[in-house]
Protein backbone atom coordinates (compact mmCIF):
# COMPACT_ATOMS: atom_id res chain seq x y z
CA MET A 1 0.00 0.00 0.00
CA PRO A 2 1.61 3.29 -1.03
CA SER A 3 2.18 5.66 1.79
CA PRO A 4 -0.17 8.69 1.73
CA GLY A 5 1.30 12.14 1.36
CA ARG A 6 3.97 11.24 -1.22
CA ALA A 7 4.30 11.67 -4.95
CA ARG A 8 5.36 8.93 -7.37
CA ALA A 9 6.09 8.39 -11.07
CA ASP A 10 5.77 5.23 -13.18
CA ARG A 11 8.78 5.93 -15.39
CA HIS A 12 11.81 7.03 -13.51
CA SER A 13 15.56 7.08 -13.30
CA THR A 14 17.70 7.14 -10.19
CA CYS A 15 20.31 9.86 -9.83
CA LYS A 16 22.38 10.42 -6.76
CA GLY A 17 21.65 13.61 -4.86
CA ARG A 18 24.55 15.80 -3.80
CA GLY A 19 26.00 14.75 -0.49
CA SER A 20 25.24 16.73 2.61
CA ARG A 21 26.34 16.75 6.19
CA SER A 22 24.04 14.87 8.52
CA ARG A 23 22.55 17.13 11.18
CA ASP A 24 20.01 15.59 13.52
CA PHE A 25 19.69 18.71 15.66
CA PHE A 26 16.20 19.19 14.18
CA PRO A 27 14.17 15.97 14.29
CA LEU A 28 12.44 16.38 10.93
CA PHE A 29 15.60 16.00 8.91
CA ARG A 30 18.43 13.62 8.15
CA ARG A 31 20.79 12.84 5.27
CA ARG A 32 18.88 12.86 2.00
CA SER A 33 18.10 9.75 -0.04
CA PRO A 34 18.79 9.14 -3.75
CA LEU A 35 16.73 11.31 -6.06
CA VAL A 36 14.21 9.54 -8.31
CA LEU A 37 12.83 11.59 -11.18
CA PRO A 38 10.32 10.74 -13.91
CA ALA A 39 10.94 11.13 -17.62
CA ASP A 40 9.12 13.82 -19.55
CA ASP A 41 7.22 13.28 -22.79
CA SER A 42 10.44 13.31 -24.79
CA GLY A 43 11.80 10.43 -22.75
CA ARG A 44 14.55 12.55 -21.21
CA TYR A 45 15.23 12.60 -17.50
CA HIS A 46 15.65 15.79 -15.54
CA LYS A 47 18.23 15.81 -12.79
CA ALA A 48 17.43 18.41 -10.16
CA SER A 49 17.94 18.96 -6.47
CA ALA A 50 14.91 19.81 -4.41
CA LEU A 51 17.20 21.79 -2.13
CA GLY A 52 18.80 23.88 -4.86
CA THR A 53 22.51 24.55 -5.08
CA ARG A 54 23.22 23.98 -1.39
CA GLU A 55 21.91 21.32 0.97
CA PRO A 56 22.42 22.12 4.63
CA PHE A 57 20.90 18.81 5.66
CA GLY A 58 18.63 16.04 4.36
CA LEU A 59 15.14 16.41 3.00
CA PHE A 60 12.88 13.71 4.34
CA PRO A 61 11.30 13.35 7.79
CA SER A 62 12.96 10.67 9.85
CA THR A 63 10.83 7.55 10.32
CA ARG A 64 11.97 7.07 13.88
CA PHE A 65 9.83 10.03 14.89
CA GLY A 66 6.75 8.75 13.09
CA SER A 67 4.37 10.63 10.81
CA PRO A 68 0.59 10.79 10.56
CA PHE A 69 1.05 11.24 6.81
CA GLY A 70 2.83 7.92 6.28
CA ALA A 71 6.24 6.35 6.55
CA GLU A 72 9.23 7.60 4.65
CA PRO A 73 10.06 5.98 1.31
CA ALA A 74 13.64 6.04 0.12
CA THR A 75 13.00 8.21 -2.92
CA ARG A 76 11.75 11.58 -4.11
CA ARG A 77 9.74 11.48 -7.36
CA HIS A 78 9.07 14.60 -9.39
CA ALA A 79 10.08 16.30 -12.62
CA VAL A 80 11.33 19.75 -13.48
CA ILE A 81 9.11 20.56 -16.42
CA ARG A 82 9.73 24.25 -17.00
CA LYS A 83 12.58 26.65 -16.38
CA ASP A 84 12.22 30.38 -15.90
CA ALA A 85 13.36 31.88 -19.19
CA SER A 86 12.93 35.50 -18.13
CA GLY A 87 16.26 35.67 -16.36
CA SER A 88 14.47 37.29 -13.45
CA ASP A 89 15.37 34.63 -10.96
CA PRO A 90 18.80 33.03 -11.33
CA ALA A 91 18.40 31.04 -8.13
CA ALA A 92 17.71 27.33 -8.03
CA ASN A 93 14.03 27.82 -7.24
CA ALA A 94 13.34 29.23 -10.74
CA ALA A 95 11.62 26.10 -12.00
CA VAL A 96 8.15 24.60 -12.18
CA HIS A 97 7.91 21.10 -10.76
CA ARG A 98 5.29 18.45 -11.49
CA TYR A 99 4.39 15.97 -8.76
CA VAL A 100 2.30 12.84 -9.38
CA PRO A 101 0.23 11.19 -6.62
CA GLU A 102 1.79 8.06 -5.25
CA GLY A 103 -1.57 6.52 -4.48
CA PRO A 104 -5.15 7.39 -3.63
CA PRO A 105 -5.66 10.24 -1.18
CA PRO A 106 -6.30 9.38 2.48
CA ASP A 107 -9.96 8.83 3.30
CA SER A 108 -9.63 11.39 6.09
CA VAL A 109 -8.96 14.22 3.63
CA GLU A 110 -12.09 15.84 2.23
CA GLN A 111 -11.53 16.52 -1.48
CA THR A 112 -12.80 20.09 -1.44
CA PRO A 113 -10.82 23.35 -1.40
CA LEU A 114 -11.57 23.74 2.31
CA GLY A 115 -10.75 20.13 3.14
CA LEU A 116 -7.46 20.29 1.27
CA THR A 117 -6.52 23.55 2.97
CA ARG A 118 -7.15 21.99 6.38
CA ALA A 119 -4.98 18.99 5.49
CA LEU A 120 -2.33 21.34 4.11
CA VAL A 121 -2.16 23.34 7.33
CA ALA A 122 -1.76 20.16 9.39
CA LEU A 123 0.94 18.91 7.03
CA GLY A 124 2.77 22.24 7.17
CA ARG A 125 2.78 22.19 10.96
CA GLU A 126 4.21 18.67 10.89
CA LEU A 127 7.03 19.87 8.67
CA GLY A 128 7.95 22.56 11.17
CA PHE A 129 6.25 25.68 9.81
CA ALA A 130 4.89 27.93 12.54
CA ARG A 131 2.22 29.37 10.25
CA VAL A 132 0.62 28.11 7.04
CA GLY A 133 -1.94 30.02 4.99
CA VAL A 134 -3.40 30.24 1.50
CA ALA A 135 -4.00 33.23 -0.78
CA ARG A 136 -5.60 33.32 -4.19
CA ALA A 137 -3.18 33.54 -7.12
CA GLU A 138 -4.40 36.89 -8.38
CA PRO A 139 -2.80 40.27 -9.12
CA LEU A 140 -1.82 42.38 -6.11
CA GLU A 141 -2.63 45.78 -7.56
CA VAL A 142 -2.53 47.81 -4.34
CA ALA A 143 0.85 46.34 -3.42
CA ARG A 144 2.03 46.97 -6.96
CA ALA A 145 1.19 50.66 -6.64
CA ARG A 146 3.06 50.86 -3.32
CA LEU A 147 6.13 49.23 -4.87
CA GLU A 148 6.06 51.62 -7.82
CA ALA A 149 5.85 54.61 -5.46
CA PHE A 150 8.72 53.19 -3.39
CA LEU A 151 10.88 52.85 -6.49
CA ALA A 152 9.89 56.25 -7.89
CA ALA A 153 10.93 57.93 -4.63
CA GLY A 154 14.38 56.36 -4.90
CA TYR A 155 13.98 54.51 -1.60
CA ALA A 156 15.26 51.26 -3.13
CA GLY A 157 18.77 52.62 -3.55
CA SER A 158 20.81 50.33 -5.78
CA MET A 159 18.21 47.53 -5.69
CA GLU A 160 17.05 48.27 -9.22
CA TYR A 161 16.19 44.58 -9.69
CA LEU A 162 13.00 45.23 -7.72
CA GLY A 163 11.55 47.02 -10.73
CA ARG A 164 13.13 44.89 -13.42
CA VAL A 165 10.33 42.33 -13.76
CA PRO A 166 6.68 42.30 -12.64
CA ARG A 167 6.23 41.07 -9.07
CA HIS A 168 2.57 41.66 -8.43
CA ASP A 169 1.04 38.61 -10.12
CA PRO A 170 1.90 35.04 -9.01
CA ARG A 171 0.69 33.82 -12.40
CA SER A 172 3.77 35.36 -13.98
CA LEU A 173 5.68 32.57 -12.23
CA LEU A 174 3.12 29.86 -13.00
CA PRO A 175 0.42 30.73 -15.56
CA GLU A 176 -1.75 27.84 -14.32
CA ALA A 177 -1.62 29.07 -10.71
CA ARG A 178 -4.80 29.01 -8.66
CA SER A 179 -3.42 29.32 -5.14
CA VAL A 180 -0.35 30.49 -3.25
CA VAL A 181 0.59 28.62 -0.09
CA VAL A 182 2.50 30.91 2.29
CA VAL A 183 4.54 29.49 5.15
CA ALA A 184 6.46 31.00 8.05
CA LEU A 185 9.59 29.26 9.33
CA PRO A 186 10.94 30.61 12.64
CA HIS A 187 14.59 31.40 13.14
CA GLY A 188 16.54 31.88 16.34
CA VAL A 189 15.51 34.71 18.67
CA ARG A 190 18.28 34.60 21.23
CA ASP A 191 18.79 37.68 23.38
CA LEU A 192 21.22 40.45 22.59
CA VAL A 193 24.78 39.19 22.28
CA PRO A 194 27.83 40.77 23.98
CA LEU A 195 30.18 42.69 21.71
CA ARG A 196 33.21 41.74 23.80
CA SER A 197 34.07 38.06 24.14
CA ALA A 198 35.07 36.50 27.45
CA ASP A 199 38.71 36.76 26.38
CA GLY A 200 38.31 40.38 25.30
CA ARG A 201 38.02 39.96 21.52
CA LEU A 202 36.08 42.65 19.65
CA LEU A 203 32.93 41.21 18.12
CA GLY A 204 30.47 42.28 15.45
CA SER A 205 26.81 41.31 15.52
CA VAL A 206 24.93 39.36 12.85
CA ALA A 207 21.20 39.69 12.19
CA ARG A 208 19.27 36.86 13.81
CA TYR A 209 17.99 35.34 10.57
CA ALA A 210 21.56 34.77 9.33
CA ARG A 211 22.93 33.02 12.42
CA GLY A 212 21.93 29.52 11.33
CA ALA A 213 21.89 27.44 8.16
CA ASP A 214 21.19 29.23 4.88
CA TYR A 215 17.43 29.58 4.90
CA HIS A 216 17.14 29.47 1.11
CA GLY A 217 18.07 25.80 0.91
CA VAL A 218 16.12 24.89 4.03
CA LEU A 219 12.91 26.52 2.82
CA ARG A 220 13.20 25.11 -0.70
CA GLY A 221 13.60 21.63 0.70
CA LEU A 222 10.61 21.98 2.99
CA LEU A 223 8.47 23.46 0.21
CA ALA A 224 9.44 20.59 -2.10
CA GLU A 225 8.41 18.13 0.60
CA LEU A 226 5.14 19.99 1.09
CA ALA A 227 4.37 19.92 -2.65
CA ALA A 228 5.19 16.21 -2.97
CA ARG A 229 2.84 15.24 -0.17
CA LEU A 230 0.16 17.66 -1.28
CA ALA A 231 -0.03 15.89 -4.65
CA THR A 232 -1.11 12.66 -2.97
CA LEU A 233 -3.35 14.39 -0.44
CA SER A 234 -5.22 15.94 -3.38
CA GLY A 235 -5.20 12.77 -5.51
CA ARG A 236 -4.12 14.62 -8.64
CA PRO A 237 -0.92 15.72 -10.41
CA LEU A 238 0.26 19.04 -9.10
CA LEU A 239 2.22 21.85 -10.71
CA SER A 240 4.13 24.05 -8.31
CA ARG A 241 6.91 26.55 -7.99
CA ALA A 242 8.71 27.01 -4.70
CA CYS A 243 9.71 30.57 -3.91
CA VAL A 244 11.93 32.07 -1.27
CA ASP A 245 12.96 35.74 -1.22
CA THR A 246 14.86 35.44 -4.50
CA ALA A 247 11.72 35.01 -6.62
CA PRO A 248 9.95 38.06 -8.12
CA LEU A 249 6.97 37.92 -5.79
CA LEU A 250 5.45 40.39 -3.32
CA GLU A 251 5.63 37.85 -0.53
CA ARG A 252 4.76 40.12 2.39
CA GLU A 253 1.49 41.14 0.77
CA LEU A 254 0.73 37.48 0.07
CA ALA A 255 1.53 36.62 3.69
CA ALA A 256 -1.00 39.20 4.86
CA ARG A 257 -3.66 37.91 2.47
CA ALA A 258 -2.96 34.34 3.55
CA GLY A 259 -3.47 35.17 7.22
CA VAL A 260 0.10 34.34 8.15
CA GLY A 261 0.50 37.75 9.76
CA PHE A 262 -0.22 41.42 9.36
CA PRO A 263 2.06 44.16 7.98
CA GLY A 264 3.80 46.02 10.78
CA LYS A 265 4.81 49.66 10.61
CA SER A 266 8.40 48.46 10.24
CA GLY A 267 7.46 46.62 7.05
CA MET A 268 7.95 43.26 8.78
CA VAL A 269 5.16 40.70 8.76
CA ILE A 270 4.00 40.15 12.35
CA ALA A 271 2.18 37.01 13.47
CA PRO A 272 0.38 37.37 16.82
CA GLY A 273 1.74 34.76 19.22
CA LEU A 274 4.89 34.36 17.15
CA GLY A 275 6.18 37.87 16.49
CA SER A 276 8.27 38.68 13.44
CA TYR A 277 11.30 36.43 13.88
CA PHE A 278 10.52 34.15 10.96
CA LEU A 279 11.20 33.78 7.24
CA LEU A 280 8.62 33.45 4.50
CA GLY A 281 8.33 30.88 1.75
CA GLU A 282 5.70 30.38 -0.92
CA LEU A 283 4.40 27.50 -3.00
CA VAL A 284 2.64 28.75 -6.13
CA THR A 285 0.42 25.91 -7.34
CA ASP A 286 -2.36 25.03 -9.76
CA LEU A 287 -4.33 23.37 -6.95
CA ASP A 288 -7.61 25.02 -5.99
CA LEU A 289 -7.41 25.69 -2.24
CA GLU A 290 -9.63 27.63 0.15
CA PRO A 291 -8.06 31.04 0.94
CA SER A 292 -7.29 31.73 4.58
CA ALA A 293 -8.80 34.65 6.45
CA ALA A 294 -6.64 37.74 6.86
CA ILE A 295 -5.68 38.83 10.39
CA ARG A 296 -7.64 41.90 11.44
CA VAL A 297 -5.23 43.34 13.98
CA GLY A 298 -2.35 45.74 13.66
CA CYS A 299 0.12 48.01 15.41
CA GLY A 300 -2.41 50.51 16.72
CA SER A 301 -0.75 53.69 17.92
CA CYS A 302 2.60 51.99 18.65
CA ARG A 303 5.60 53.50 16.88
CA ALA A 304 8.42 51.87 18.83
CA CYS A 305 10.14 50.59 15.69
CA LEU A 306 9.95 53.95 13.93
CA ASP A 307 11.49 55.80 16.87
CA ALA A 308 14.20 53.23 17.67
CA CYS A 309 15.79 52.99 14.22
CA PRO A 310 19.46 54.01 14.67
CA THR A 311 19.68 55.67 11.25
CA ARG A 312 16.13 57.11 11.11
CA ALA A 313 15.42 55.04 8.01
CA PHE A 314 11.63 55.22 8.29
CA VAL A 315 10.00 57.99 6.30
CA GLY A 316 6.77 57.16 8.12
CA PRO A 317 4.71 54.14 9.13
CA TYR A 318 5.11 51.32 6.58
CA VAL A 319 7.56 53.38 4.48
CA LEU A 320 11.29 52.61 4.66
CA ASP A 321 14.06 54.51 2.91
CA ALA A 322 16.36 51.54 2.30
CA ARG A 323 19.26 53.88 1.58
CA ARG A 324 19.42 54.61 5.32
CA CYS A 325 18.65 51.08 6.55
CA ILE A 326 21.56 49.24 8.20
CA ALA A 327 20.48 45.96 6.62
CA TYR A 328 20.72 47.55 3.17
CA LEU A 329 23.98 49.34 3.93
CA THR A 330 25.75 46.24 5.26
CA ILE A 331 24.25 43.53 3.03
CA GLU A 332 22.83 44.92 -0.21
CA SER A 333 24.98 47.93 -1.01
CA SER A 334 28.52 47.42 -2.26
CA ALA A 335 29.20 51.17 -2.27
CA PRO A 336 30.85 53.24 0.44
CA ILE A 337 28.61 53.67 3.47
CA PRO A 338 27.55 57.33 3.78
CA ARG A 339 29.76 59.05 6.34
CA GLU A 340 26.86 60.47 8.29
CA LEU A 341 25.47 56.97 8.92
CA ARG A 342 28.65 55.09 9.86
CA SER A 343 28.62 55.89 13.56
CA ALA A 344 24.98 54.79 13.87
CA ILE A 345 25.83 51.34 12.53
CA GLY A 346 27.66 50.54 15.75
CA GLN A 347 29.25 47.10 15.67
CA ARG A 348 26.75 45.51 13.29
CA VAL A 349 28.49 43.72 10.43
CA PHE A 350 25.54 41.97 8.78
CA GLY A 351 22.07 43.39 9.12
CA CYS A 352 20.16 44.91 12.01
CA ASP A 353 17.32 43.77 14.28
CA VAL A 354 16.53 46.93 16.22
CA CYS A 355 13.05 47.43 14.75
CA GLN A 356 12.20 43.86 15.77
CA GLU A 357 13.91 43.96 19.16
CA VAL A 358 11.66 46.81 20.32
CA CYS A 359 8.44 45.36 18.90
CA PRO A 360 5.97 44.36 21.65
CA TYR A 361 4.92 41.32 19.63
CA ASN A 362 8.46 39.96 20.05
CA ALA A 363 8.55 40.53 23.80
CA SER A 364 8.07 36.87 24.74
CA GLY A 365 11.46 35.81 23.38
CA ARG A 366 10.03 32.32 22.84
CA GLU A 367 12.17 30.08 20.64
CA PRO A 368 10.09 27.55 18.70
CA PRO A 369 11.90 24.50 17.26
CA THR A 370 13.58 25.35 13.97
CA PRO A 371 16.21 23.98 11.59
CA LEU A 372 17.54 27.56 11.49
CA ALA A 373 18.69 27.55 15.11
CA PRO A 374 21.68 29.84 15.68
CA ARG A 375 25.19 28.48 15.44
CA PRO A 376 27.67 29.92 17.94
CA GLU A 377 30.24 30.67 15.23
CA LEU A 378 27.72 32.82 13.30
CA THR A 379 26.07 34.64 16.20
CA THR A 380 28.95 37.13 16.40
CA LEU A 381 32.07 37.55 14.29
CA ASP A 382 35.57 38.47 15.45
CA LEU A 383 36.08 41.90 13.91
CA VAL A 384 39.86 41.71 13.57
CA ASP A 385 39.68 38.24 12.03
CA LEU A 386 36.98 39.45 9.65
CA LEU A 387 38.98 42.49 8.60
CA GLU A 388 42.01 40.32 7.83
CA LEU A 389 40.10 37.40 6.30
CA GLY A 390 41.41 35.88 3.07
CA SER A 391 39.40 34.42 0.21
CA SER A 392 39.62 30.82 1.46
CA GLY A 393 38.59 31.89 4.95
CA TYR A 394 35.67 33.82 3.46
CA ARG A 395 34.48 30.73 1.61
CA ARG A 396 34.57 28.72 4.81
CA LEU A 397 32.72 31.44 6.71
CA VAL A 398 29.83 31.80 4.27
CA ARG A 399 29.44 28.12 3.35
CA ASP A 400 25.83 27.08 4.02
CA SER A 401 25.11 30.56 5.38
CA ALA A 402 23.09 33.60 4.35
CA LEU A 403 26.28 35.62 4.97
CA ARG A 404 27.31 34.85 1.40
CA ARG A 405 24.92 37.59 0.29
CA ALA A 406 27.71 40.03 1.21
CA SER A 407 31.05 39.80 -0.59
CA LEU A 408 34.36 39.57 1.24
CA ARG A 409 35.17 43.23 0.65
CA MET A 410 31.70 44.25 1.89
CA LEU A 411 32.14 42.29 5.12
CA GLN A 412 35.61 43.78 5.58
CA ARG A 413 34.19 47.27 4.97
CA ASN A 414 31.60 46.56 7.66
CA ALA A 415 34.27 45.25 10.03
CA ALA A 416 36.32 48.42 9.56
CA VAL A 417 33.31 50.58 10.44
CA ALA A 418 32.50 48.41 13.47
CA LEU A 419 36.09 48.66 14.71
CA GLY A 420 35.94 52.41 14.27
CA ASN A 421 32.85 52.45 16.49
CA SER A 422 34.39 50.21 19.16
CA ASP A 423 36.29 52.96 21.03
CA ASP A 424 38.96 50.36 21.76
CA PRO A 425 42.70 50.95 21.29
CA ARG A 426 43.18 47.34 20.17
CA ALA A 427 41.31 48.19 16.97
CA VAL A 428 43.99 50.63 15.81
CA PRO A 429 46.80 48.28 14.65
CA PRO A 430 44.59 46.06 12.45
CA LEU A 431 43.01 49.15 10.90
CA GLU A 432 46.45 50.57 10.17
CA ARG A 433 47.38 47.31 8.45
CA ALA A 434 44.15 47.33 6.45
CA LEU A 435 44.75 50.89 5.26
CA ALA A 436 48.29 50.06 4.20
CA GLU A 437 47.78 46.58 2.76
CA ASN A 438 44.20 45.64 1.91
CA PRO A 439 43.78 45.22 -1.87
CA SER A 440 40.28 46.75 -1.84
CA ALA A 441 39.96 50.53 -2.00
CA LEU A 442 36.52 50.17 -0.40
CA VAL A 443 38.08 48.56 2.66
CA ARG A 444 41.07 50.92 2.79
CA GLY A 445 38.81 53.97 2.67
CA HIS A 446 36.63 52.76 5.54
CA ALA A 447 39.73 51.79 7.53
CA ALA A 448 40.95 55.38 7.16
CA TRP A 449 37.62 56.69 8.44
CA ALA A 450 37.74 54.26 11.37
CA LEU A 451 41.20 55.47 12.39
CA GLY A 452 39.83 58.99 12.49
CA ALA A 453 36.89 57.80 14.60
CA LEU A 454 39.41 56.29 17.05
CA ARG A 455 41.32 59.57 17.30
CA ARG A 456 41.77 59.43 21.08
CA HIS A 457 43.61 56.12 20.64
CA ALA A 458 45.72 57.25 17.67
CA THR A 459 49.51 56.95 17.74
CA ASN A 460 52.38 58.35 15.71
CA THR A 461 52.09 55.27 13.52
CA THR A 462 48.44 56.09 12.88
CA GLN A 463 49.39 59.58 11.74
CA ALA A 464 52.10 58.25 9.44
CA VAL A 465 49.88 55.60 7.84
CA LEU A 466 47.14 58.14 7.18
CA GLU A 467 49.60 60.66 5.71
CA ARG A 468 51.01 58.02 3.39
CA ALA A 469 47.54 57.01 2.21
CA ALA A 470 46.45 60.62 1.74
CA SER A 471 49.39 61.34 -0.54
CA THR A 472 50.17 58.09 -2.33
CA ASP A 473 47.14 55.79 -2.46
CA ALA A 474 46.09 55.13 -6.05
CA ASP A 475 42.38 55.50 -5.31
CA PRO A 476 40.81 58.97 -4.87
CA PHE A 477 38.22 57.64 -2.41
CA VAL A 478 40.97 56.38 -0.10
CA ARG A 479 42.94 59.61 -0.40
CA GLU A 480 39.87 61.66 0.49
CA GLU A 481 38.99 59.48 3.50
CA ALA A 482 42.58 59.57 4.76
CA THR A 483 42.73 63.36 4.37
CA ARG A 484 39.48 63.74 6.30
CA ALA A 485 40.77 61.41 9.03
CA LEU A 486 43.93 63.51 9.36
CA GLY A 487 41.74 66.55 9.81
CA VAL A 488 39.85 64.79 12.60
CA LEU A 489 43.12 63.88 14.33
CA ALA A 490 44.35 67.47 14.02
CA GLY A 491 41.10 68.95 15.27
């Protein structure tokens, strides 16, 4: 008897999935099994990984924990039937997958849109999602107008890709789409971390969502599992496209429509009882599901997030000027950080959580089980080590981590700014070395600024290094920053 909640194919070929490290710290996962894919109408087989280009851990629920949706088979069966030809989404989730039922649907599942939605929600909770909801696959015209106004005002900064392709209609990703399943996967919510280690090392903070495994691969794997089981629960072949934040989709609007949460004044989606410490994923599908009810609560008169922002990035409620946002400045932008904002960044080297830390909905500090639990080595980063990191060390640091969104020179730029804000004399020598030796002008320029910011700890060597850079550095940005730093030291 085929196990319910799985997809199968009659014609298939076995291809080995890419190896992954076994991590049983989250009970739903273990090392993945061989990949079994069906042939398409041409007789060709499509090799694809349900987890995309990186696999932080295995895909299938472990049988030793049991499952109300059936035992675990040793194979995954689906086909990649369509690739995104628009070039809008270069990530591994830019494909439409077809799943075939493995057997008849369970008798307990009512074959109506409402019955399938109820079964879907239960299945999503079993897979570890804290929230699961459904929205209709229809154009989001109001959200489209807001995005266009955001772009027209220049608030997107260098993120021109936001306006490159349409994002308001899920059917642009899957023309056959009837429903969008929206899920929320919690990440770690540990308390504020110290910026001095027990042995006195200077540390930089990392945004909470990036302290664990790379969420892109985790979410894609879970969404693939959800789609495979949903095919059998519905008793029909299913077309789907799994989306994380790399797909051209207005996911926060969809999350609100799907009842996953409501839009906060910070722009974050807030789920009552959970807060905002979670990541969104979507499954665009041709299955007809019952839409979930939207949440009819909000922020009221609270403006804690707006007032607490270190760089005053909020133009008003629900409107963010990304050009002033620390997350944008440290992760998205590869340009020099504006001088007037550098001090406000503090010792943050990758993102910022202030608007979430002050939110009353996050006050509980509850940590639900998650495969994205923080790793100690990613919770904070040694600033001196980061500033002096080489290319091989960078690759080790960002492997299986969302930190890879920022390049090595961007992380070193951020480390230089954080050291400049540390008010610690131990930051001076590594900054002097960076100004004299780092191959990146971006890093050298920020190191010069940081030495000026540490003026009360400056030495004769500091003065000499800055004078040399101001007169001989090949890059005008570095010369200007060094000249300004000398003026600070003299003043």
